[in-house]
Amino acid sequence: MIYYITIFGLMAAAFSTVSFFPQLVKTWKTKSAKDISLGMFSIFSVGVLLWLIYGVLISDLPVIIANTFTFVQAFIILLLKIKYK
């Protein structure tokens, strides 16, 4: 039963994480981040980093994987926002 719960968590993590990829690609290609809120993405990135730390502390693989990839994508989007300002 635990195995199915982990698979469910990994699937949720995959969908949540992949949802940021189109924004990252669009920002990279258009070299424009004018419609992205610096404040929102900054706060969001801190929240994701805290979730990642939490996942590590409780040894929860889906939480660790999802928040690692989401943090990387959000951080890159933040860097692009600052670069293309």
Protein backbone atom coordinates (compact mmCIF):
# COMPACT_ATOMS: atom_id res chain seq x y z
CA MET A 1 0.00 0.00 0.00
CA ILE A 2 2.81 2.43 0.85
CA TYR A 3 4.26 1.80 -2.62
CA TYR A 4 1.06 3.10 -4.26
CA ILE A 5 1.03 6.15 -2.04
CA THR A 6 4.61 6.96 -3.11
CA ILE A 7 3.69 6.53 -6.79
CA PHE A 8 0.72 8.85 -6.28
CA GLY A 9 3.00 11.42 -4.63
CA LEU A 10 5.54 11.13 -7.44
CA MET A 11 2.82 11.68 -10.04
CA ALA A 12 1.57 14.76 -8.17
CA ALA A 13 5.15 16.00 -7.94
CA ALA A 14 5.69 15.49 -11.68
CA PHE A 15 2.60 17.47 -12.67
CA SER A 16 3.32 20.29 -10.22
CA THR A 17 6.94 20.53 -11.29
CA VAL A 18 6.37 20.33 -15.04
CA SER A 19 3.81 23.14 -14.83
CA PHE A 20 6.63 25.69 -14.48
CA PHE A 21 8.54 24.52 -17.54
CA PRO A 22 6.39 26.33 -20.16
CA GLN A 23 6.86 29.62 -18.29
CA LEU A 24 10.60 29.06 -18.13
CA VAL A 25 10.80 28.30 -21.86
CA LYS A 26 8.60 31.28 -22.78
CA THR A 27 10.66 33.66 -20.66
CA TRP A 28 13.89 32.30 -22.12
CA LYS A 29 12.71 32.48 -25.75
CA THR A 30 11.03 35.89 -25.60
CA LYS A 31 13.67 37.39 -23.32
CA SER A 32 10.82 39.08 -21.50
CA ALA A 33 9.66 38.66 -17.93
CA LYS A 34 7.64 41.84 -17.64
CA ASP A 35 4.44 40.00 -16.66
CA ILE A 36 6.12 37.96 -13.92
CA SER A 37 5.83 39.32 -10.41
CA LEU A 38 9.26 39.53 -8.78
CA GLY A 39 7.67 39.63 -5.33
CA MET A 40 5.46 36.61 -5.92
CA PHE A 41 8.24 34.49 -7.43
CA SER A 42 10.63 35.49 -4.65
CA ILE A 43 8.19 34.49 -1.93
CA PHE A 44 7.24 31.35 -3.85
CA SER A 45 10.90 30.33 -4.21
CA VAL A 46 11.49 30.70 -0.46
CA GLY A 47 8.38 28.61 0.18
CA VAL A 48 9.56 25.89 -2.20
CA LEU A 49 12.99 25.90 -0.58
CA LEU A 50 11.36 25.45 2.82
CA TRP A 51 9.28 22.55 1.45
CA LEU A 52 12.47 21.00 0.10
CA ILE A 53 14.14 21.26 3.50
CA TYR A 54 11.03 19.80 5.12
CA GLY A 55 11.06 16.90 2.64
CA VAL A 56 14.70 16.17 3.45
CA LEU A 57 14.02 16.31 7.19
CA ILE A 58 11.17 13.79 6.93
CA SER A 59 12.86 11.76 4.15
CA ASP A 60 9.90 12.09 1.77
CA LEU A 61 11.09 11.34 -1.77
CA PRO A 62 8.15 12.90 -3.69
CA VAL A 63 8.45 16.13 -1.68
CA ILE A 64 12.22 16.23 -2.18
CA ILE A 65 12.08 15.57 -5.93
CA ALA A 66 9.21 17.95 -6.66
CA ASN A 67 10.62 20.82 -4.68
CA THR A 68 14.17 20.38 -5.96
CA PHE A 69 13.08 20.69 -9.58
CA THR A 70 10.48 23.37 -8.85
CA PHE A 71 13.01 25.45 -6.93
CA VAL A 72 15.55 25.22 -9.76
CA GLN A 73 12.96 26.31 -12.33
CA ALA A 74 11.60 29.12 -10.15
CA PHE A 75 15.11 30.34 -9.37
CA ILE A 76 16.02 30.41 -13.07
CA ILE A 77 12.81 32.35 -13.81
CA LEU A 78 13.78 34.81 -11.05
CA LEU A 79 17.24 35.23 -12.56
CA LEU A 80 15.70 35.83 -16.00
CA LYS A 81 13.28 38.35 -14.47
CA ILE A 82 16.21 40.27 -13.03
CA LYS A 83 18.29 39.92 -16.21
CA TYR A 84 15.52 41.06 -18.59
CA LYS A 85 14.28 43.88 -16.34
